[in-house]
Amino acid sequence: MKAKVILIGTIAVMAAITYLETREVQELVTTDVEALTGVEKNPCGNVTFIPNSELREVVCPPAPLNGTHKKCKDNKGSEVCCNPADQTDCKSLFD
């Protein structure tokens, strides 16, 4: 009888420990997923947009030969968001 009580007590303690560890792991995973999505840290509402930057026309290197292209440029202090999909490439000399 004494052995059964000890066995049941041990199983109950192990089950409680497993439950608490599982809950902690689930909370960590949820926190990590929220951090990876960047939704809380990115004020743009779309995680692909770049916060505090704007789409600007930039000279392509070498400067006088290739014209300009559009690029997301940092604009600190601004609450503007830039969509990287709107950026354009520089044309090559052979285009």
PDB file of N, CA and C in Angstrom:
ATOM      1  N   MET A   1       0.831  -1.197   0.000  1.00  0.00           N
ATOM      2  CA  MET A   1       0.000   0.000   0.000  1.00  0.00           C
ATOM      3  C   MET A   1       0.871   1.255   0.000  1.00  0.00           C
ATOM      4  N   LYS A   2       1.908   1.245   0.848  1.00  0.00           N
ATOM      5  CA  LYS A   2       2.797   2.392   0.946  1.00  0.00           C
ATOM      6  C   LYS A   2       3.503   2.637  -0.394  1.00  0.00           C
ATOM      7  N   ALA A   3       3.868   1.576  -1.079  1.00  0.00           N
ATOM      8  CA  ALA A   3       4.555   1.687  -2.368  1.00  0.00           C
ATOM      9  C   ALA A   3       3.634   2.297  -3.430  1.00  0.00           C
ATOM     10  N   LYS A   4       2.334   1.942  -3.363  1.00  0.00           N
ATOM     11  CA  LYS A   4       1.365   2.499  -4.322  1.00  0.00           C
ATOM     12  C   LYS A   4       1.204   4.006  -4.126  1.00  0.00           C
ATOM     13  N   VAL A   5       1.148   4.431  -2.871  1.00  0.00           N
ATOM     14  CA  VAL A   5       1.005   5.864  -2.569  1.00  0.00           C
ATOM     15  C   VAL A   5       2.233   6.624  -3.052  1.00  0.00           C
ATOM     16  N   ILE A   6       3.412   6.079  -2.820  1.00  0.00           N
ATOM     17  CA  ILE A   6       4.650   6.724  -3.275  1.00  0.00           C
ATOM     18  C   ILE A   6       4.680   6.782  -4.801  1.00  0.00           C
ATOM     19  N   LEU A   7       4.264   5.703  -5.446  1.00  0.00           N
ATOM     20  CA  LEU A   7       4.244   5.654  -6.906  1.00  0.00           C
ATOM     21  C   LEU A   7       3.260   6.684  -7.475  1.00  0.00           C
ATOM     22  N   ILE A   8       2.083   6.742  -6.932  1.00  0.00           N
ATOM     23  CA  ILE A   8       1.078   7.705  -7.405  1.00  0.00           C
ATOM     24  C   ILE A   8       1.549   9.136  -7.143  1.00  0.00           C
ATOM     25  N   GLY A   9       2.144   9.379  -6.001  1.00  0.00           N
ATOM     26  CA  GLY A   9       2.678  10.716  -5.682  1.00  0.00           C
ATOM     27  C   GLY A   9       3.788  11.118  -6.657  1.00  0.00           C
ATOM     28  N   THR A  10       4.675  10.174  -6.953  1.00  0.00           N
ATOM     29  CA  THR A  10       5.772  10.444  -7.890  1.00  0.00           C
ATOM     30  C   THR A  10       5.226  10.753  -9.281  1.00  0.00           C
ATOM     31  N   ILE A  11       4.249   9.980  -9.730  1.00  0.00           N
ATOM     32  CA  ILE A  11       3.638  10.213 -11.040  1.00  0.00           C
ATOM     33  C   ILE A  11       2.958  11.585 -11.081  1.00  0.00           C
ATOM     34  N   ALA A  12       2.277  11.947 -10.006  1.00  0.00           N
ATOM     35  CA  ALA A  12       1.591  13.242  -9.953  1.00  0.00           C
ATOM     36  C   ALA A  12       2.598  14.393 -10.019  1.00  0.00           C
ATOM     37  N   VAL A  13       3.691  14.279  -9.294  1.00  0.00           N
ATOM     38  CA  VAL A  13       4.726  15.321  -9.312  1.00  0.00           C
ATOM     39  C   VAL A  13       5.346  15.430 -10.700  1.00  0.00           C
ATOM     40  N   MET A  14       5.638  14.282 -11.308  1.00  0.00           N
ATOM     41  CA  MET A  14       6.227  14.295 -12.651  1.00  0.00           C
ATOM     42  C   MET A  14       5.263  14.904 -13.679  1.00  0.00           C
ATOM     43  N   ALA A  15       3.989  14.601 -13.549  1.00  0.00           N
ATOM     44  CA  ALA A  15       2.990  15.160 -14.462  1.00  0.00           C
ATOM     45  C   ALA A  15       2.901  16.682 -14.290  1.00  0.00           C
ATOM     46  N   ALA A  16       2.949  17.158 -13.056  1.00  0.00           N
ATOM     47  CA  ALA A  16       2.893  18.596 -12.797  1.00  0.00           C
ATOM     48  C   ALA A  16       4.121  19.302 -13.368  1.00  0.00           C
ATOM     49  N   ILE A  17       5.281  18.720 -13.190  1.00  0.00           N
ATOM     50  CA  ILE A  17       6.523  19.307 -13.722  1.00  0.00           C
ATOM     51  C   ILE A  17       6.461  19.358 -15.251  1.00  0.00           C
ATOM     52  N   THR A  18       6.016  18.267 -15.874  1.00  0.00           N
ATOM     53  CA  THR A  18       5.904  18.217 -17.336  1.00  0.00           C
ATOM     54  C   THR A  18       4.925  19.280 -17.832  1.00  0.00           C
ATOM     55  N   TYR A  19       3.792  19.426 -17.158  1.00  0.00           N
ATOM     56  CA  TYR A  19       2.804  20.431 -17.547  1.00  0.00           C
ATOM     57  C   TYR A  19       3.389  21.843 -17.471  1.00  0.00           C
ATOM     58  N   LEU A  20       4.076  22.148 -16.384  1.00  0.00           N
ATOM     59  CA  LEU A  20       4.650  23.486 -16.216  1.00  0.00           C
ATOM     60  C   LEU A  20       5.737  23.768 -17.255  1.00  0.00           C
ATOM     61  N   GLU A  21       6.578  22.782 -17.534  1.00  0.00           N
ATOM     62  CA  GLU A  21       7.627  22.962 -18.541  1.00  0.00           C
ATOM     63  C   GLU A  21       7.022  23.151 -19.930  1.00  0.00           C
ATOM     64  N   THR A  22       5.993  22.394 -20.252  1.00  0.00           N
ATOM     65  CA  THR A  22       5.334  22.518 -21.553  1.00  0.00           C
ATOM     66  C   THR A  22       4.714  23.900 -21.697  1.00  0.00           C
ATOM     67  N   ARG A  23       4.089  24.394 -20.661  1.00  0.00           N
ATOM     68  CA  ARG A  23       3.468  25.723 -20.707  1.00  0.00           C
ATOM     69  C   ARG A  23       4.525  26.798 -20.913  1.00  0.00           C
ATOM     70  N   GLU A  24       5.669  26.673 -20.242  1.00  0.00           N
ATOM     71  CA  GLU A  24       6.752  27.648 -20.405  1.00  0.00           C
ATOM     72  C   GLU A  24       7.294  27.619 -21.831  1.00  0.00           C
ATOM     73  N   VAL A  25       7.450  26.424 -22.391  1.00  0.00           N
ATOM     74  CA  VAL A  25       7.952  26.296 -23.761  1.00  0.00           C
ATOM     75  C   VAL A  25       6.957  26.917 -24.741  1.00  0.00           C
ATOM     76  N   GLN A  26       5.669  26.691 -24.528  1.00  0.00           N
ATOM     77  CA  GLN A  26       4.652  27.264 -25.410  1.00  0.00           C
ATOM     78  C   GLN A  26       4.687  28.790 -25.355  1.00  0.00           C
ATOM     79  N   GLU A  27       4.880  29.349 -24.173  1.00  0.00           N
ATOM     80  CA  GLU A  27       4.967  30.803 -24.044  1.00  0.00           C
ATOM     81  C   GLU A  27       6.205  31.337 -24.758  1.00  0.00           C
ATOM     82  N   LEU A  28       7.332  30.623 -24.643  1.00  0.00           N
ATOM     83  CA  LEU A  28       8.549  31.040 -25.334  1.00  0.00           C
ATOM     84  C   LEU A  28       8.380  30.989 -26.844  1.00  0.00           C
ATOM     85  N   VAL A  29       7.760  29.931 -27.338  1.00  0.00           N
ATOM     86  CA  VAL A  29       7.544  29.799 -28.780  1.00  0.00           C
ATOM     87  C   VAL A  29       6.644  30.921 -29.276  1.00  0.00           C
ATOM     88  N   THR A  30       5.589  31.220 -28.547  1.00  0.00           N
ATOM     89  CA  THR A  30       4.686  32.304 -28.939  1.00  0.00           C
ATOM     90  C   THR A  30       5.423  33.632 -28.962  1.00  0.00           C
ATOM     91  N   THR A  31       6.253  33.883 -27.974  1.00  0.00           N
ATOM     92  CA  THR A  31       7.035  35.116 -27.919  1.00  0.00           C
ATOM     93  C   THR A  31       8.012  35.187 -29.087  1.00  0.00           C
ATOM     94  N   ASP A  32       8.668  34.070 -29.400  1.00  0.00           N
ATOM     95  CA  ASP A  32       9.613  34.042 -30.518  1.00  0.00           C
ATOM     96  C   ASP A  32       8.917  34.289 -31.841  1.00  0.00           C
ATOM     97  N   VAL A  33       7.753  33.700 -32.034  1.00  0.00           N
ATOM     98  CA  VAL A  33       7.017  33.890 -33.285  1.00  0.00           C
ATOM     99  C   VAL A  33       6.602  35.347 -33.431  1.00  0.00           C
ATOM    100  N   GLU A  34       6.151  35.965 -32.361  1.00  0.00           N
ATOM    101  CA  GLU A  34       5.780  37.377 -32.415  1.00  0.00           C
ATOM    102  C   GLU A  34       6.995  38.236 -32.742  1.00  0.00           C
ATOM    103  N   ALA A  35       8.143  37.898 -32.191  1.00  0.00           N
ATOM    104  CA  ALA A  35       9.354  38.660 -32.474  1.00  0.00           C
ATOM    105  C   ALA A  35       9.792  38.484 -33.921  1.00  0.00           C
ATOM    106  N   LEU A  36       9.671  37.275 -34.447  1.00  0.00           N
ATOM    107  CA  LEU A  36      10.072  37.023 -35.827  1.00  0.00           C
ATOM    108  C   LEU A  36       9.173  37.721 -36.834  1.00  0.00           C
ATOM    109  N   THR A  37       7.897  37.809 -36.550  1.00  0.00           N
ATOM    110  CA  THR A  37       6.989  38.460 -37.492  1.00  0.00           C
ATOM    111  C   THR A  37       7.225  39.950 -37.540  1.00  0.00           C
ATOM    112  N   GLY A  38       7.714  40.521 -36.441  1.00  0.00           N
ATOM    113  CA  GLY A  38       8.044  41.938 -36.429  1.00  0.00           C
ATOM    114  C   GLY A  38       6.837  42.853 -36.418  1.00  0.00           C
ATOM    115  N   VAL A  39       5.650  42.304 -36.223  1.00  0.00           N
ATOM    116  CA  VAL A  39       4.445  43.118 -36.279  1.00  0.00           C
ATOM    117  C   VAL A  39       4.455  44.200 -35.215  1.00  0.00           C
ATOM    118  N   GLU A  40       4.896  43.858 -34.027  1.00  0.00           N
ATOM    119  CA  GLU A  40       4.890  44.848 -32.951  1.00  0.00           C
ATOM    120  C   GLU A  40       5.953  45.915 -33.167  1.00  0.00           C
ATOM    121  N   LYS A  41       7.087  45.545 -33.750  1.00  0.00           N
ATOM    122  CA  LYS A  41       8.182  46.488 -33.906  1.00  0.00           C
ATOM    123  C   LYS A  41       8.091  47.300 -35.191  1.00  0.00           C
ATOM    124  N   ASN A  42       7.317  46.844 -36.151  1.00  0.00           N
ATOM    125  CA  ASN A  42       7.214  47.535 -37.430  1.00  0.00           C
ATOM    126  C   ASN A  42       5.921  48.347 -37.456  1.00  0.00           C
ATOM    127  N   PRO A  43       6.007  49.670 -37.387  1.00  0.00           N
ATOM    128  CA  PRO A  43       4.810  50.504 -37.337  1.00  0.00           C
ATOM    129  C   PRO A  43       4.103  50.625 -38.676  1.00  0.00           C
ATOM    130  N   CYS A  44       4.659  50.038 -39.723  1.00  0.00           N
ATOM    131  CA  CYS A  44       4.088  50.185 -41.062  1.00  0.00           C
ATOM    132  C   CYS A  44       2.835  49.333 -41.259  1.00  0.00           C
ATOM    133  N   GLY A  45       2.654  48.314 -40.437  1.00  0.00           N
ATOM    134  CA  GLY A  45       1.497  47.448 -40.597  1.00  0.00           C
ATOM    135  C   GLY A  45       1.766  46.294 -41.544  1.00  0.00           C
ATOM    136  N   ASN A  46       2.735  46.432 -42.417  1.00  0.00           N
ATOM    137  CA  ASN A  46       3.131  45.374 -43.336  1.00  0.00           C
ATOM    138  C   ASN A  46       4.593  45.076 -43.038  1.00  0.00           C
ATOM    139  N   VAL A  47       4.895  43.827 -42.693  1.00  0.00           N
ATOM    140  CA  VAL A  47       6.253  43.491 -42.249  1.00  0.00           C
ATOM    141  C   VAL A  47       7.295  43.624 -43.345  1.00  0.00           C
ATOM    142  N   THR A  48       6.887  43.655 -44.615  1.00  0.00           N
ATOM    143  CA  THR A  48       7.861  43.810 -45.695  1.00  0.00           C
ATOM    144  C   THR A  48       8.244  45.266 -45.918  1.00  0.00           C
ATOM    145  N   PHE A  49       7.439  46.200 -45.434  1.00  0.00           N
ATOM    146  CA  PHE A  49       7.740  47.618 -45.604  1.00  0.00           C
ATOM    147  C   PHE A  49       8.882  48.023 -44.667  1.00  0.00           C
ATOM    148  N   ILE A  50       9.644  49.014 -45.078  1.00  0.00           N
ATOM    149  CA  ILE A  50      10.779  49.481 -44.288  1.00  0.00           C
ATOM    150  C   ILE A  50      10.375  50.758 -43.554  1.00  0.00           C
ATOM    151  N   PRO A  51      10.341  50.725 -42.212  1.00  0.00           N
ATOM    152  CA  PRO A  51       9.934  51.914 -41.466  1.00  0.00           C
ATOM    153  C   PRO A  51      11.001  53.007 -41.520  1.00  0.00           C
ATOM    154  N   ASN A  52      10.564  54.233 -41.354  1.00  0.00           N
ATOM    155  CA  ASN A  52      11.450  55.403 -41.311  1.00  0.00           C
ATOM    156  C   ASN A  52      12.313  55.517 -42.565  1.00  0.00           C
ATOM    157  N   SER A  53      11.742  55.208 -43.705  1.00  0.00           N
ATOM    158  CA  SER A  53      12.453  55.362 -44.969  1.00  0.00           C
ATOM    159  C   SER A  53      11.454  55.760 -46.045  1.00  0.00           C
ATOM    160  N   GLU A  54      11.984  56.348 -47.103  1.00  0.00           N
ATOM    161  CA  GLU A  54      11.102  56.768 -48.181  1.00  0.00           C
ATOM    162  C   GLU A  54      11.737  56.432 -49.522  1.00  0.00           C
ATOM    163  N   LEU A  55      10.913  56.332 -50.551  1.00  0.00           N
ATOM    164  CA  LEU A  55      11.385  56.014 -51.892  1.00  0.00           C
ATOM    165  C   LEU A  55      11.969  57.269 -52.512  1.00  0.00           C
ATOM    166  N   ARG A  56      13.237  57.206 -52.871  1.00  0.00           N
ATOM    167  CA  ARG A  56      13.922  58.367 -53.464  1.00  0.00           C
ATOM    168  C   ARG A  56      14.584  57.979 -54.774  1.00  0.00           C
ATOM    169  N   GLU A  57      14.813  58.966 -55.608  1.00  0.00           N
ATOM    170  CA  GLU A  57      15.544  58.759 -56.840  1.00  0.00           C
ATOM    171  C   GLU A  57      17.024  58.934 -56.545  1.00  0.00           C
ATOM    172  N   VAL A  58      17.828  57.927 -56.907  1.00  0.00           N
ATOM    173  CA  VAL A  58      19.249  57.904 -56.590  1.00  0.00           C
ATOM    174  C   VAL A  58      20.040  57.737 -57.883  1.00  0.00           C
ATOM    175  N   VAL A  59      21.198  58.393 -57.955  1.00  0.00           N
ATOM    176  CA  VAL A  59      22.053  58.289 -59.134  1.00  0.00           C
ATOM    177  C   VAL A  59      22.722  56.917 -59.162  1.00  0.00           C
ATOM    178  N   CYS A  60      22.703  56.289 -60.335  1.00  0.00           N
ATOM    179  CA  CYS A  60      23.342  54.989 -60.514  1.00  0.00           C
ATOM    180  C   CYS A  60      24.838  55.172 -60.782  1.00  0.00           C
ATOM    181  N   PRO A  61      25.660  54.275 -60.269  1.00  0.00           N
ATOM    182  CA  PRO A  61      27.096  54.366 -60.572  1.00  0.00           C
ATOM    183  C   PRO A  61      27.389  53.748 -61.936  1.00  0.00           C
ATOM    184  N   PRO A  62      28.354  54.146 -62.662  1.00  0.00           N
ATOM    185  CA  PRO A  62      29.085  55.406 -62.545  1.00  0.00           C
ATOM    186  C   PRO A  62      28.155  56.563 -62.858  1.00  0.00           C
ATOM    187  N   ALA A  63      28.233  57.577 -62.043  1.00  0.00           N
ATOM    188  CA  ALA A  63      27.252  58.653 -61.966  1.00  0.00           C
ATOM    189  C   ALA A  63      26.677  59.174 -63.280  1.00  0.00           C
ATOM    190  N   PRO A  64      27.443  59.708 -64.184  1.00  0.00           N
ATOM    191  CA  PRO A  64      26.789  60.352 -65.318  1.00  0.00           C
ATOM    192  C   PRO A  64      26.296  59.381 -66.393  1.00  0.00           C
ATOM    193  N   LEU A  65      26.716  58.130 -66.342  1.00  0.00           N
ATOM    194  CA  LEU A  65      26.431  57.220 -67.441  1.00  0.00           C
ATOM    195  C   LEU A  65      25.096  56.493 -67.368  1.00  0.00           C
ATOM    196  N   ASN A  66      24.671  56.127 -66.176  1.00  0.00           N
ATOM    197  CA  ASN A  66      23.517  55.233 -66.074  1.00  0.00           C
ATOM    198  C   ASN A  66      22.218  55.868 -65.610  1.00  0.00           C
ATOM    199  N   GLY A  67      22.151  57.135 -65.389  1.00  0.00           N
ATOM    200  CA  GLY A  67      20.901  57.749 -64.972  1.00  0.00           C
ATOM    201  C   GLY A  67      20.593  57.524 -63.508  1.00  0.00           C
ATOM    202  N   THR A  68      19.310  57.308 -63.214  1.00  0.00           N
ATOM    203  CA  THR A  68      18.873  57.167 -61.826  1.00  0.00           C
ATOM    204  C   THR A  68      17.991  55.930 -61.669  1.00  0.00           C
ATOM    205  N   HIS A  69      17.777  55.567 -60.418  1.00  0.00           N
ATOM    206  CA  HIS A  69      16.839  54.499 -60.078  1.00  0.00           C
ATOM    207  C   HIS A  69      16.186  54.852 -58.755  1.00  0.00           C
ATOM    208  N   LYS A  70      15.100  54.137 -58.403  1.00  0.00           N
ATOM    209  CA  LYS A  70      14.387  54.402 -57.153  1.00  0.00           C
ATOM    210  C   LYS A  70      14.839  53.407 -56.099  1.00  0.00           C
ATOM    211  N   LYS A  71      15.074  53.933 -54.884  1.00  0.00           N
ATOM    212  CA  LYS A  71      15.591  53.112 -53.793  1.00  0.00           C
ATOM    213  C   LYS A  71      15.019  53.615 -52.467  1.00  0.00           C
ATOM    214  N   CYS A  72      14.756  52.689 -51.540  1.00  0.00           N
ATOM    215  CA  CYS A  72      14.315  53.068 -50.191  1.00  0.00           C
ATOM    216  C   CYS A  72      15.521  53.626 -49.449  1.00  0.00           C
ATOM    217  N   LYS A  73      15.416  54.858 -49.012  1.00  0.00           N
ATOM    218  CA  LYS A  73      16.512  55.514 -48.293  1.00  0.00           C
ATOM    219  C   LYS A  73      16.039  55.869 -46.891  1.00  0.00           C
ATOM    220  N   ASP A  74      16.965  55.751 -45.935  1.00  0.00           N
ATOM    221  CA  ASP A  74      16.682  56.034 -44.535  1.00  0.00           C
ATOM    222  C   ASP A  74      16.277  57.494 -44.355  1.00  0.00           C
ATOM    223  N   ASN A  75      15.244  57.720 -43.567  1.00  0.00           N
ATOM    224  CA  ASN A  75      14.763  59.056 -43.268  1.00  0.00           C
ATOM    225  C   ASN A  75      14.440  59.097 -41.777  1.00  0.00           C
ATOM    226  N   LYS A  76      15.484  59.152 -40.944  1.00  0.00           N
ATOM    227  CA  LYS A  76      15.313  59.081 -39.487  1.00  0.00           C
ATOM    228  C   LYS A  76      14.407  60.198 -38.990  1.00  0.00           C
ATOM    229  N   GLY A  77      13.603  59.851 -38.030  1.00  0.00           N
ATOM    230  CA  GLY A  77      12.676  60.819 -37.459  1.00  0.00           C
ATOM    231  C   GLY A  77      11.366  60.885 -38.223  1.00  0.00           C
ATOM    232  N   SER A  78      11.313  60.233 -39.357  1.00  0.00           N
ATOM    233  CA  SER A  78      10.108  60.227 -40.177  1.00  0.00           C
ATOM    234  C   SER A  78       9.275  59.002 -39.840  1.00  0.00           C
ATOM    235  N   GLU A  79       7.995  59.112 -39.998  1.00  0.00           N
ATOM    236  CA  GLU A  79       7.126  57.964 -39.779  1.00  0.00           C
ATOM    237  C   GLU A  79       6.637  57.413 -41.110  1.00  0.00           C
ATOM    238  N   VAL A  80       7.381  57.691 -42.159  1.00  0.00           N
ATOM    239  CA  VAL A  80       7.042  57.221 -43.498  1.00  0.00           C
ATOM    240  C   VAL A  80       7.557  55.804 -43.669  1.00  0.00           C
ATOM    241  N   CYS A  81       6.816  54.969 -44.403  1.00  0.00           N
ATOM    242  CA  CYS A  81       7.232  53.602 -44.683  1.00  0.00           C
ATOM    243  C   CYS A  81       7.462  53.437 -46.177  1.00  0.00           C
ATOM    244  N   CYS A  82       8.479  52.662 -46.529  1.00  0.00           N
ATOM    245  CA  CYS A  82       8.818  52.443 -47.928  1.00  0.00           C
ATOM    246  C   CYS A  82       8.538  50.991 -48.311  1.00  0.00           C
ATOM    247  N   ASN A  83       7.900  50.811 -49.447  1.00  0.00           N
ATOM    248  CA  ASN A  83       7.636  49.472 -49.966  1.00  0.00           C
ATOM    249  C   ASN A  83       8.812  49.065 -50.846  1.00  0.00           C
ATOM    250  N   PRO A  84       9.603  48.069 -50.453  1.00  0.00           N
ATOM    251  CA  PRO A  84      10.767  47.673 -51.241  1.00  0.00           C
ATOM    252  C   PRO A  84      10.404  47.199 -52.646  1.00  0.00           C
ATOM    253  N   ALA A  85       9.172  46.782 -52.850  1.00  0.00           N
ATOM    254  CA  ALA A  85       8.739  46.322 -54.174  1.00  0.00           C
ATOM    255  C   ALA A  85       8.704  47.472 -55.179  1.00  0.00           C
ATOM    256  N   ASP A  86       8.664  48.708 -54.697  1.00  0.00           N
ATOM    257  CA  ASP A  86       8.623  49.874 -55.590  1.00  0.00           C
ATOM    258  C   ASP A  86      10.013  50.300 -56.062  1.00  0.00           C
ATOM    259  N   GLN A  87      11.059  49.679 -55.515  1.00  0.00           N
ATOM    260  CA  GLN A  87      12.421  50.057 -55.909  1.00  0.00           C
ATOM    261  C   GLN A  87      12.673  49.602 -57.352  1.00  0.00           C
ATOM    262  N   THR A  88      13.554  50.300 -58.045  1.00  0.00           N
ATOM    263  CA  THR A  88      13.902  49.925 -59.413  1.00  0.00           C
ATOM    264  C   THR A  88      15.407  49.682 -59.500  1.00  0.00           C
ATOM    265  N   ASP A  89      15.824  48.942 -60.504  1.00  0.00           N
ATOM    266  CA  ASP A  89      17.240  48.640 -60.718  1.00  0.00           C
ATOM    267  C   ASP A  89      17.860  49.667 -61.644  1.00  0.00           C
ATOM    268  N   CYS A  90      19.166  49.791 -61.549  1.00  0.00           N
ATOM    269  CA  CYS A  90      19.907  50.624 -62.503  1.00  0.00           C
ATOM    270  C   CYS A  90      19.984  49.891 -63.830  1.00  0.00           C
ATOM    271  N   LYS A  91      19.951  50.647 -64.887  1.00  0.00           N
ATOM    272  CA  LYS A  91      20.117  50.051 -66.212  1.00  0.00           C
ATOM    273  C   LYS A  91      21.598  49.842 -66.458  1.00  0.00           C
ATOM    274  N   SER A  92      21.920  48.793 -67.177  1.00  0.00           N
ATOM    275  CA  SER A  92      23.321  48.568 -67.497  1.00  0.00           C
ATOM    276  C   SER A  92      23.720  49.435 -68.701  1.00  0.00           C
ATOM    277  N   LEU A  93      24.975  49.518 -68.949  1.00  0.00           N
ATOM    278  CA  LEU A  93      25.464  50.303 -70.093  1.00  0.00           C
ATOM    279  C   LEU A  93      24.995  49.736 -71.406  1.00  0.00           C
ATOM    280  N   PHE A  94      24.585  48.468 -71.416  1.00  0.00           N
ATOM    281  CA  PHE A  94      24.231  47.799 -72.650  1.00  0.00           C
ATOM    282  C   PHE A  94      22.735  47.735 -72.899  1.00  0.00           C
ATOM    283  N   ASP A  95      21.920  48.326 -72.024  1.00  0.00           N
ATOM    284  CA  ASP A  95      20.449  48.315 -72.204  1.00  0.00           C
ATOM    285  C   ASP A  95      20.019  49.311 -73.244  1.00  0.00           C
TER     286      ASP A  95
END
